[in-house]
Amino acid sequence: MILTEEYVREVLQEASDILDNALPADMYKNCVHNIDNIKLIGGVSWWAQIYKGVGRKRNDYDIKLNYQLLEAVPEENQKKCLLTTLCHELIHTVDGCFNHGEKFKHCAKMIREYTNNYICVTWKKQLADWGGDVEDVKCYKYIVTCKKCGAKWGYISKPKSYDNEREFECKECGGDIIVKKKN
């Protein structure tokens, strides 16, 4: 499915409703978070980013979503992936949750419990967790594959250790890796 701003706003409302119901009233309830701009961008390694613009009101934010990663997720998982991603980003609007510290993890746990594990907000989300393949992400120019466990991840630009694979090891198991450039 091709993502549109209208569809993202619809799922964003669902994510906001989940936080309204899952988190204590003094933490998020009735906190009006205005997402001024939704930018669908490619060519970045992260799923999404929420940020406050200069000179804006306290609760006004912009969000950037990597449409290339989201569109590489099989269609049957895309909505759940987008909803999870947006819930993650909205947690960052809670006071004290700008990073992925203890308060962020506590909010993520409350959301997971509220949604019966349907929304499992983490900061380390892999495309393979959603049934996608890094080979399908247009912005990835280099694919790294572990010879031992088969884990894959992509790079947008040439990895620093590309010419010396011995400096690379698998993020999952520590095994040897293969780096190849996509055609």
N, C-alpha and C. Protein backbone atom coordinates (compact mmCIF):
# COMPACT_ATOMS: atom_id res chain seq x y z
N MET A 1 0.84 -1.17 0.00
CA MET A 1 0.00 0.00 0.00
C MET A 1 0.89 1.25 0.00
N ILE A 2 0.48 2.24 -0.74
CA ILE A 2 1.17 3.52 -0.76
C ILE A 2 0.61 4.36 0.40
N LEU A 3 1.51 4.85 1.25
CA LEU A 3 1.07 5.66 2.39
C LEU A 3 0.70 7.06 1.93
N THR A 4 -0.38 7.58 2.51
CA THR A 4 -0.79 8.96 2.25
C THR A 4 -0.87 9.69 3.58
N GLU A 5 -0.79 11.00 3.53
CA GLU A 5 -0.90 11.80 4.75
C GLU A 5 -2.26 11.59 5.41
N GLU A 6 -3.29 11.48 4.60
CA GLU A 6 -4.65 11.28 5.15
C GLU A 6 -4.73 9.97 5.95
N TYR A 7 -4.17 8.89 5.40
CA TYR A 7 -4.18 7.61 6.09
C TYR A 7 -3.35 7.68 7.38
N VAL A 8 -2.20 8.34 7.31
CA VAL A 8 -1.34 8.47 8.50
C VAL A 8 -2.09 9.24 9.58
N ARG A 9 -2.81 10.31 9.22
CA ARG A 9 -3.58 11.08 10.21
C ARG A 9 -4.67 10.22 10.86
N GLU A 10 -5.30 9.37 10.08
CA GLU A 10 -6.33 8.46 10.61
C GLU A 10 -5.72 7.50 11.64
N VAL A 11 -4.58 6.90 11.31
CA VAL A 11 -3.92 5.97 12.23
C VAL A 11 -3.32 6.73 13.42
N LEU A 12 -2.88 7.95 13.19
CA LEU A 12 -2.37 8.79 14.27
C LEU A 12 -3.44 9.06 15.31
N GLN A 13 -4.68 9.26 14.88
CA GLN A 13 -5.79 9.46 15.81
C GLN A 13 -6.00 8.20 16.66
N GLU A 14 -5.91 7.03 16.04
CA GLU A 14 -6.02 5.77 16.78
C GLU A 14 -4.91 5.67 17.82
N ALA A 15 -3.70 6.01 17.42
CA ALA A 15 -2.56 5.96 18.35
C ALA A 15 -2.77 6.91 19.53
N SER A 16 -3.25 8.10 19.24
CA SER A 16 -3.52 9.08 20.31
C SER A 16 -4.60 8.56 21.26
N ASP A 17 -5.63 7.93 20.71
CA ASP A 17 -6.69 7.35 21.55
C ASP A 17 -6.14 6.25 22.44
N ILE A 18 -5.23 5.44 21.92
CA ILE A 18 -4.62 4.38 22.72
C ILE A 18 -3.85 4.98 23.89
N LEU A 19 -3.05 6.02 23.63
CA LEU A 19 -2.31 6.64 24.72
C LEU A 19 -3.25 7.28 25.72
N ASP A 20 -4.33 7.92 25.23
CA ASP A 20 -5.33 8.52 26.13
C ASP A 20 -5.88 7.48 27.11
N ASN A 21 -6.14 6.28 26.62
CA ASN A 21 -6.76 5.25 27.44
C ASN A 21 -5.76 4.42 28.24
N ALA A 22 -4.55 4.27 27.73
CA ALA A 22 -3.58 3.39 28.38
C ALA A 22 -2.78 4.09 29.48
N LEU A 23 -2.54 5.37 29.32
CA LEU A 23 -1.69 6.08 30.27
C LEU A 23 -2.54 6.82 31.30
N PRO A 24 -1.99 7.01 32.51
CA PRO A 24 -2.73 7.75 33.55
C PRO A 24 -3.09 9.16 33.09
N ALA A 25 -4.22 9.65 33.60
CA ALA A 25 -4.73 10.97 33.20
C ALA A 25 -3.71 12.07 33.40
N ASP A 26 -2.96 12.02 34.48
CA ASP A 26 -1.99 13.09 34.74
C ASP A 26 -0.78 13.02 33.82
N MET A 27 -0.66 11.93 33.08
CA MET A 27 0.49 11.77 32.20
C MET A 27 0.16 12.19 30.77
N TYR A 28 -0.99 11.77 30.26
CA TYR A 28 -1.29 12.03 28.84
C TYR A 28 -2.73 12.45 28.58
N LYS A 29 -3.66 12.02 29.39
CA LYS A 29 -5.09 12.21 29.15
C LYS A 29 -5.42 13.66 28.79
N ASN A 30 -6.20 13.79 27.76
CA ASN A 30 -6.68 15.10 27.28
C ASN A 30 -5.54 16.06 26.91
N CYS A 31 -4.38 15.52 26.70
CA CYS A 31 -3.25 16.33 26.27
C CYS A 31 -3.41 16.49 24.76
N VAL A 32 -3.73 17.65 24.32
CA VAL A 32 -3.95 17.86 22.90
C VAL A 32 -2.60 17.98 22.22
N HIS A 33 -2.29 17.02 21.39
CA HIS A 33 -1.04 17.05 20.64
C HIS A 33 -1.38 17.30 19.19
N ASN A 34 -1.02 18.45 18.74
CA ASN A 34 -1.30 18.83 17.38
C ASN A 34 -0.10 18.47 16.51
N ILE A 35 -0.31 17.56 15.59
CA ILE A 35 0.74 17.23 14.64
C ILE A 35 0.52 18.12 13.43
N ASP A 36 1.31 19.19 13.36
CA ASP A 36 1.16 20.16 12.28
C ASP A 36 1.49 19.56 10.92
N ASN A 37 2.66 18.99 10.81
CA ASN A 37 3.13 18.48 9.53
C ASN A 37 3.46 17.00 9.62
N ILE A 38 3.02 16.26 8.64
CA ILE A 38 3.42 14.88 8.49
C ILE A 38 4.21 14.81 7.20
N LYS A 39 5.46 14.41 7.31
CA LYS A 39 6.32 14.33 6.13
C LYS A 39 6.65 12.87 5.88
N LEU A 40 6.33 12.41 4.69
CA LEU A 40 6.67 11.06 4.27
C LEU A 40 7.96 11.15 3.48
N ILE A 41 9.03 10.62 4.06
CA ILE A 41 10.35 10.75 3.44
C ILE A 41 10.99 9.39 3.27
N GLY A 42 11.97 9.30 2.45
CA GLY A 42 12.77 8.09 2.26
C GLY A 42 14.23 8.44 2.44
N GLY A 43 15.07 7.45 2.26
CA GLY A 43 16.51 7.72 2.30
C GLY A 43 17.07 7.93 3.69
N VAL A 44 16.37 7.46 4.73
CA VAL A 44 16.88 7.55 6.10
C VAL A 44 16.81 6.15 6.71
N SER A 45 17.55 5.94 7.79
CA SER A 45 17.62 4.60 8.37
C SER A 45 16.59 4.37 9.47
N TRP A 46 15.95 5.42 9.97
CA TRP A 46 15.00 5.26 11.07
C TRP A 46 13.57 5.18 10.56
N TRP A 47 12.68 4.64 11.41
CA TRP A 47 11.27 4.48 11.05
C TRP A 47 10.53 5.81 11.08
N ALA A 48 10.72 6.58 12.14
CA ALA A 48 9.98 7.84 12.29
C ALA A 48 10.73 8.74 13.26
N GLN A 49 10.32 10.01 13.24
CA GLN A 49 10.90 11.01 14.12
C GLN A 49 9.81 12.03 14.44
N ILE A 50 9.68 12.35 15.71
CA ILE A 50 8.74 13.41 16.09
C ILE A 50 9.57 14.53 16.70
N TYR A 51 9.24 15.74 16.36
CA TYR A 51 10.03 16.87 16.87
C TYR A 51 9.16 18.11 16.95
N LYS A 52 9.63 19.03 17.76
CA LYS A 52 8.95 20.29 17.96
C LYS A 52 9.64 21.35 17.13
N GLY A 53 8.84 22.13 16.43
CA GLY A 53 9.40 23.21 15.64
C GLY A 53 9.74 24.42 16.51
N VAL A 54 10.60 25.26 16.01
CA VAL A 54 11.01 26.46 16.74
C VAL A 54 9.84 27.44 16.83
N GLY A 55 9.64 28.00 18.02
CA GLY A 55 8.63 29.03 18.21
C GLY A 55 7.20 28.52 18.23
N ARG A 56 7.03 27.25 18.36
CA ARG A 56 5.68 26.69 18.38
C ARG A 56 5.16 26.59 19.80
N LYS A 57 3.84 26.36 19.88
CA LYS A 57 3.23 26.16 21.19
C LYS A 57 3.75 24.86 21.80
N ARG A 58 3.54 24.70 23.08
CA ARG A 58 4.08 23.57 23.83
C ARG A 58 3.71 22.21 23.24
N ASN A 59 2.52 22.03 22.75
CA ASN A 59 2.07 20.72 22.29
C ASN A 59 1.97 20.59 20.78
N ASP A 60 2.69 21.39 20.04
CA ASP A 60 2.68 21.30 18.58
C ASP A 60 3.94 20.56 18.11
N TYR A 61 3.72 19.55 17.28
CA TYR A 61 4.82 18.71 16.81
C TYR A 61 4.70 18.47 15.31
N ASP A 62 5.81 18.07 14.74
CA ASP A 62 5.86 17.58 13.37
C ASP A 62 6.35 16.15 13.44
N ILE A 63 6.00 15.36 12.45
CA ILE A 63 6.47 13.99 12.41
C ILE A 63 6.96 13.66 11.02
N LYS A 64 8.06 12.92 10.96
CA LYS A 64 8.58 12.41 9.70
C LYS A 64 8.47 10.88 9.77
N LEU A 65 7.98 10.29 8.69
CA LEU A 65 7.87 8.84 8.59
C LEU A 65 8.65 8.36 7.37
N ASN A 66 9.39 7.28 7.54
CA ASN A 66 10.13 6.70 6.43
C ASN A 66 9.18 5.79 5.65
N TYR A 67 8.60 6.33 4.59
CA TYR A 67 7.63 5.56 3.82
C TYR A 67 8.28 4.34 3.15
N GLN A 68 9.57 4.40 2.85
CA GLN A 68 10.22 3.26 2.20
C GLN A 68 10.29 2.05 3.13
N LEU A 69 10.57 2.27 4.41
CA LEU A 69 10.56 1.16 5.36
C LEU A 69 9.14 0.65 5.56
N LEU A 70 8.19 1.55 5.77
CA LEU A 70 6.81 1.14 6.03
C LEU A 70 6.20 0.42 4.84
N GLU A 71 6.52 0.85 3.63
CA GLU A 71 5.97 0.19 2.45
C GLU A 71 6.63 -1.15 2.15
N ALA A 72 7.80 -1.42 2.77
CA ALA A 72 8.47 -2.72 2.61
C ALA A 72 7.85 -3.79 3.52
N VAL A 73 6.98 -3.35 4.43
CA VAL A 73 6.26 -4.28 5.32
C VAL A 73 5.10 -4.87 4.52
N PRO A 74 4.89 -6.20 4.61
CA PRO A 74 3.74 -6.78 3.90
C PRO A 74 2.44 -6.08 4.29
N GLU A 75 1.55 -5.93 3.32
CA GLU A 75 0.33 -5.14 3.50
C GLU A 75 -0.48 -5.57 4.73
N GLU A 76 -0.53 -6.86 5.01
CA GLU A 76 -1.33 -7.32 6.15
C GLU A 76 -0.76 -6.86 7.49
N ASN A 77 0.50 -6.42 7.52
CA ASN A 77 1.12 -5.95 8.77
C ASN A 77 1.33 -4.44 8.80
N GLN A 78 1.05 -3.75 7.70
CA GLN A 78 1.38 -2.33 7.61
C GLN A 78 0.66 -1.48 8.64
N LYS A 79 -0.63 -1.69 8.83
CA LYS A 79 -1.36 -0.83 9.76
C LYS A 79 -0.84 -1.02 11.18
N LYS A 80 -0.63 -2.27 11.59
CA LYS A 80 -0.11 -2.53 12.94
C LYS A 80 1.28 -1.91 13.11
N CYS A 81 2.10 -2.02 12.08
CA CYS A 81 3.45 -1.43 12.12
C CYS A 81 3.37 0.08 12.25
N LEU A 82 2.51 0.71 11.44
CA LEU A 82 2.35 2.17 11.50
C LEU A 82 1.78 2.59 12.85
N LEU A 83 0.78 1.87 13.34
CA LEU A 83 0.18 2.20 14.64
C LEU A 83 1.21 2.08 15.76
N THR A 84 2.00 1.03 15.72
CA THR A 84 3.05 0.84 16.72
C THR A 84 4.08 1.96 16.64
N THR A 85 4.47 2.31 15.42
CA THR A 85 5.46 3.37 15.21
C THR A 85 4.92 4.71 15.74
N LEU A 86 3.66 5.01 15.45
CA LEU A 86 3.08 6.28 15.89
C LEU A 86 2.90 6.31 17.41
N CYS A 87 2.50 5.19 18.01
CA CYS A 87 2.42 5.13 19.48
C CYS A 87 3.79 5.41 20.08
N HIS A 88 4.82 4.80 19.51
CA HIS A 88 6.19 5.03 19.98
C HIS A 88 6.53 6.51 19.93
N GLU A 89 6.25 7.14 18.80
CA GLU A 89 6.59 8.56 18.66
C GLU A 89 5.76 9.43 19.61
N LEU A 90 4.50 9.11 19.81
CA LEU A 90 3.67 9.90 20.73
C LEU A 90 4.13 9.76 22.18
N ILE A 91 4.70 8.63 22.54
CA ILE A 91 5.25 8.50 23.90
C ILE A 91 6.31 9.58 24.12
N HIS A 92 7.06 9.90 23.08
CA HIS A 92 8.10 10.93 23.21
C HIS A 92 7.52 12.30 23.55
N THR A 93 6.22 12.51 23.37
CA THR A 93 5.61 13.79 23.72
C THR A 93 5.23 13.87 25.20
N VAL A 94 5.31 12.74 25.90
CA VAL A 94 5.04 12.73 27.35
C VAL A 94 6.25 13.33 28.06
N ASP A 95 6.00 14.20 29.02
CA ASP A 95 7.10 14.82 29.77
C ASP A 95 8.01 13.74 30.34
N GLY A 96 9.31 13.90 30.10
CA GLY A 96 10.30 12.97 30.63
C GLY A 96 10.53 11.74 29.77
N CYS A 97 9.92 11.68 28.59
CA CYS A 97 10.05 10.51 27.71
C CYS A 97 10.76 10.83 26.40
N PHE A 98 11.53 11.89 26.38
CA PHE A 98 12.21 12.26 25.14
C PHE A 98 13.18 11.17 24.70
N ASN A 99 13.82 10.51 25.68
CA ASN A 99 14.74 9.43 25.34
C ASN A 99 14.03 8.09 25.54
N HIS A 100 14.78 7.02 25.53
CA HIS A 100 14.21 5.68 25.72
C HIS A 100 14.53 5.16 27.11
N GLY A 101 14.46 6.06 28.10
CA GLY A 101 14.77 5.70 29.48
C GLY A 101 13.65 4.95 30.18
N GLU A 102 13.74 4.91 31.51
CA GLU A 102 12.80 4.14 32.32
C GLU A 102 11.36 4.61 32.18
N LYS A 103 11.13 5.93 32.13
CA LYS A 103 9.76 6.42 32.00
C LYS A 103 9.17 6.04 30.65
N PHE A 104 9.97 6.13 29.60
CA PHE A 104 9.52 5.71 28.27
C PHE A 104 9.14 4.23 28.31
N LYS A 105 10.01 3.40 28.89
CA LYS A 105 9.76 1.96 28.96
C LYS A 105 8.51 1.66 29.78
N HIS A 106 8.28 2.43 30.83
CA HIS A 106 7.07 2.25 31.66
C HIS A 106 5.82 2.56 30.82
N CYS A 107 5.85 3.63 30.05
CA CYS A 107 4.71 3.98 29.19
C CYS A 107 4.49 2.88 28.14
N ALA A 108 5.58 2.39 27.56
CA ALA A 108 5.47 1.33 26.55
C ALA A 108 4.84 0.08 27.17
N LYS A 109 5.21 -0.23 28.39
CA LYS A 109 4.65 -1.40 29.08
C LYS A 109 3.15 -1.22 29.31
N MET A 110 2.72 -0.02 29.71
CA MET A 110 1.29 0.24 29.92
C MET A 110 0.51 0.10 28.62
N ILE A 111 1.09 0.56 27.52
CA ILE A 111 0.43 0.44 26.21
C ILE A 111 0.34 -1.03 25.80
N ARG A 112 1.42 -1.76 26.00
CA ARG A 112 1.43 -3.19 25.69
C ARG A 112 0.34 -3.93 26.48
N GLU A 113 0.22 -3.61 27.76
CA GLU A 113 -0.80 -4.24 28.61
C GLU A 113 -2.21 -3.83 28.17
N TYR A 114 -2.40 -2.56 27.88
CA TYR A 114 -3.72 -2.06 27.47
C TYR A 114 -4.18 -2.72 26.18
N THR A 115 -3.26 -2.94 25.25
CA THR A 115 -3.62 -3.50 23.94
C THR A 115 -3.43 -5.02 23.88
N ASN A 116 -3.23 -5.65 25.04
CA ASN A 116 -3.00 -7.11 25.09
C ASN A 116 -1.90 -7.54 24.12
N ASN A 117 -0.79 -6.82 24.16
CA ASN A 117 0.39 -7.11 23.34
C ASN A 117 0.20 -6.85 21.84
N TYR A 118 -0.92 -6.26 21.46
CA TYR A 118 -1.09 -5.92 20.04
C TYR A 118 -0.08 -4.84 19.65
N ILE A 119 0.06 -3.84 20.51
CA ILE A 119 1.05 -2.78 20.29
C ILE A 119 2.20 -3.03 21.26
N CYS A 120 3.34 -3.40 20.72
CA CYS A 120 4.52 -3.68 21.54
C CYS A 120 5.57 -2.64 21.17
N VAL A 121 5.54 -1.51 21.85
CA VAL A 121 6.39 -0.38 21.51
C VAL A 121 7.81 -0.64 22.00
N THR A 122 8.75 -0.63 21.09
CA THR A 122 10.16 -0.77 21.45
C THR A 122 10.94 0.29 20.69
N TRP A 123 12.18 0.43 21.04
CA TRP A 123 13.00 1.37 20.28
C TRP A 123 13.88 0.62 19.29
N LYS A 124 13.93 -0.71 19.39
CA LYS A 124 14.74 -1.50 18.47
C LYS A 124 13.81 -2.41 17.67
N LYS A 125 13.28 -1.89 16.59
CA LYS A 125 12.33 -2.61 15.78
C LYS A 125 12.99 -2.94 14.44
N GLN A 126 12.94 -4.20 14.05
CA GLN A 126 13.54 -4.64 12.80
C GLN A 126 12.47 -4.87 11.75
N LEU A 127 12.79 -4.62 10.52
CA LEU A 127 11.87 -4.85 9.42
C LEU A 127 11.41 -6.30 9.38
N ALA A 128 12.32 -7.23 9.66
CA ALA A 128 11.97 -8.66 9.64
C ALA A 128 10.90 -8.99 10.69
N ASP A 129 10.84 -8.22 11.79
CA ASP A 129 9.82 -8.44 12.81
C ASP A 129 8.42 -8.24 12.25
N TRP A 130 8.31 -7.48 11.17
CA TRP A 130 7.02 -7.19 10.53
C TRP A 130 6.81 -8.02 9.28
N GLY A 131 7.72 -8.93 8.99
CA GLY A 131 7.59 -9.78 7.81
C GLY A 131 8.18 -9.17 6.55
N GLY A 132 8.89 -8.07 6.70
CA GLY A 132 9.51 -7.41 5.55
C GLY A 132 10.93 -7.88 5.33
N ASP A 133 11.50 -7.49 4.22
CA ASP A 133 12.87 -7.87 3.87
C ASP A 133 13.63 -6.60 3.51
N VAL A 134 14.83 -6.45 4.09
CA VAL A 134 15.62 -5.25 3.83
C VAL A 134 15.95 -5.11 2.34
N GLU A 135 15.96 -6.23 1.61
CA GLU A 135 16.22 -6.17 0.17
C GLU A 135 15.16 -5.34 -0.56
N ASP A 136 13.95 -5.23 0.03
CA ASP A 136 12.85 -4.51 -0.61
C ASP A 136 12.83 -3.01 -0.30
N VAL A 137 13.71 -2.55 0.57
CA VAL A 137 13.75 -1.13 0.93
C VAL A 137 14.59 -0.38 -0.10
N LYS A 138 13.94 0.50 -0.84
CA LYS A 138 14.58 1.18 -1.96
C LYS A 138 15.82 1.97 -1.55
N CYS A 139 15.80 2.59 -0.37
CA CYS A 139 16.90 3.47 0.01
C CYS A 139 18.14 2.70 0.46
N TYR A 140 18.01 1.41 0.77
CA TYR A 140 19.18 0.64 1.19
C TYR A 140 20.02 0.27 -0.03
N LYS A 141 21.27 0.69 0.00
CA LYS A 141 22.17 0.41 -1.10
C LYS A 141 23.12 -0.75 -0.77
N TYR A 142 23.28 -1.06 0.52
CA TYR A 142 24.14 -2.15 0.97
C TYR A 142 23.35 -3.06 1.91
N ILE A 143 23.49 -4.35 1.73
CA ILE A 143 22.82 -5.34 2.57
C ILE A 143 23.88 -6.16 3.29
N VAL A 144 23.74 -6.27 4.60
CA VAL A 144 24.65 -7.05 5.43
C VAL A 144 23.89 -8.29 5.90
N THR A 145 24.49 -9.45 5.71
CA THR A 145 23.85 -10.72 6.08
C THR A 145 24.81 -11.53 6.94
N CYS A 146 24.30 -12.09 8.03
CA CYS A 146 25.12 -12.94 8.91
C CYS A 146 25.19 -14.34 8.32
N LYS A 147 26.40 -14.87 8.22
CA LYS A 147 26.59 -16.23 7.70
C LYS A 147 26.08 -17.28 8.69
N LYS A 148 26.06 -16.92 9.98
CA LYS A 148 25.70 -17.89 11.02
C LYS A 148 24.19 -17.96 11.26
N CYS A 149 23.56 -16.81 11.55
CA CYS A 149 22.14 -16.82 11.93
C CYS A 149 21.20 -16.32 10.84
N GLY A 150 21.76 -15.72 9.77
CA GLY A 150 20.93 -15.26 8.67
C GLY A 150 20.32 -13.88 8.85
N ALA A 151 20.58 -13.22 9.99
CA ALA A 151 20.05 -11.87 10.21
C ALA A 151 20.53 -10.93 9.10
N LYS A 152 19.65 -10.00 8.71
CA LYS A 152 19.98 -9.03 7.66
C LYS A 152 19.68 -7.63 8.14
N TRP A 153 20.46 -6.69 7.71
CA TRP A 153 20.13 -5.29 7.91
C TRP A 153 20.71 -4.49 6.76
N GLY A 154 20.15 -3.31 6.55
CA GLY A 154 20.54 -2.52 5.40
C GLY A 154 21.24 -1.23 5.78
N TYR A 155 22.00 -0.72 4.83
CA TYR A 155 22.68 0.56 4.98
C TYR A 155 22.33 1.44 3.79
N ILE A 156 22.17 2.71 4.05
CA ILE A 156 21.87 3.66 2.99
C ILE A 156 23.16 4.06 2.27
N SER A 157 24.20 4.27 3.05
CA SER A 157 25.49 4.62 2.45
C SER A 157 26.50 3.52 2.76
N LYS A 158 27.62 3.59 2.13
CA LYS A 158 28.65 2.55 2.27
C LYS A 158 29.07 2.45 3.74
N PRO A 159 28.96 1.23 4.32
CA PRO A 159 29.39 1.06 5.71
C PRO A 159 30.87 1.40 5.86
N LYS A 160 31.23 2.01 6.99
CA LYS A 160 32.62 2.44 7.21
C LYS A 160 33.60 1.28 7.07
N SER A 161 33.19 0.10 7.48
CA SER A 161 34.08 -1.06 7.44
C SER A 161 33.86 -1.93 6.20
N TYR A 162 33.25 -1.37 5.18
CA TYR A 162 32.89 -2.13 3.98
C TYR A 162 34.10 -2.86 3.37
N ASP A 163 35.24 -2.18 3.33
CA ASP A 163 36.42 -2.76 2.71
C ASP A 163 37.16 -3.74 3.62
N ASN A 164 36.77 -3.80 4.89
CA ASN A 164 37.41 -4.71 5.82
C ASN A 164 36.32 -5.42 6.62
N GLU A 165 35.77 -6.49 6.06
CA GLU A 165 34.65 -7.19 6.68
C GLU A 165 35.00 -7.75 8.05
N ARG A 166 36.27 -7.95 8.34
CA ARG A 166 36.66 -8.51 9.63
C ARG A 166 36.28 -7.58 10.78
N GLU A 167 36.10 -6.31 10.50
CA GLU A 167 35.71 -5.36 11.55
C GLU A 167 34.22 -5.44 11.85
N PHE A 168 33.47 -6.12 10.99
CA PHE A 168 32.04 -6.29 11.18
C PHE A 168 31.75 -7.59 11.88
N GLU A 169 30.74 -7.60 12.71
CA GLU A 169 30.21 -8.85 13.24
C GLU A 169 28.71 -8.67 13.39
N CYS A 170 28.00 -9.78 13.41
CA CYS A 170 26.54 -9.76 13.48
C CYS A 170 26.07 -9.09 14.76
N LYS A 171 25.08 -8.24 14.63
CA LYS A 171 24.49 -7.56 15.78
C LYS A 171 23.72 -8.53 16.67
N GLU A 172 23.27 -9.65 16.10
CA GLU A 172 22.45 -10.61 16.84
C GLU A 172 23.27 -11.69 17.53
N CYS A 173 24.20 -12.34 16.78
CA CYS A 173 24.90 -13.50 17.33
C CYS A 173 26.42 -13.35 17.35
N GLY A 174 26.95 -12.28 16.76
CA GLY A 174 28.40 -12.09 16.73
C GLY A 174 29.09 -12.85 15.61
N GLY A 175 28.31 -13.51 14.75
CA GLY A 175 28.88 -14.31 13.65
C GLY A 175 29.48 -13.45 12.55
N ASP A 176 30.13 -14.14 11.61
CA ASP A 176 30.73 -13.46 10.46
C ASP A 176 29.62 -12.96 9.53
N ILE A 177 29.92 -11.88 8.82
CA ILE A 177 28.91 -11.27 7.96
C ILE A 177 29.42 -11.15 6.53
N ILE A 178 28.48 -10.95 5.64
CA ILE A 178 28.77 -10.67 4.24
C ILE A 178 28.13 -9.32 3.93
N VAL A 179 28.88 -8.45 3.29
CA VAL A 179 28.38 -7.15 2.86
C VAL A 179 28.30 -7.16 1.35
N LYS A 180 27.10 -6.85 0.82
CA LYS A 180 27.00 -6.77 -0.64
C LYS A 180 26.28 -5.48 -1.04
N LYS A 181 26.69 -4.97 -2.18
CA LYS A 181 26.04 -3.77 -2.71
C LYS A 181 24.88 -4.22 -3.58
N LYS A 182 23.71 -3.56 -3.37
CA LYS A 182 22.54 -3.88 -4.20
C LYS A 182 22.76 -3.35 -5.61
N ASN A 183 22.18 -4.04 -6.55
CA ASN A 183 22.29 -3.60 -7.96
C ASN A 183 21.35 -2.47 -8.23
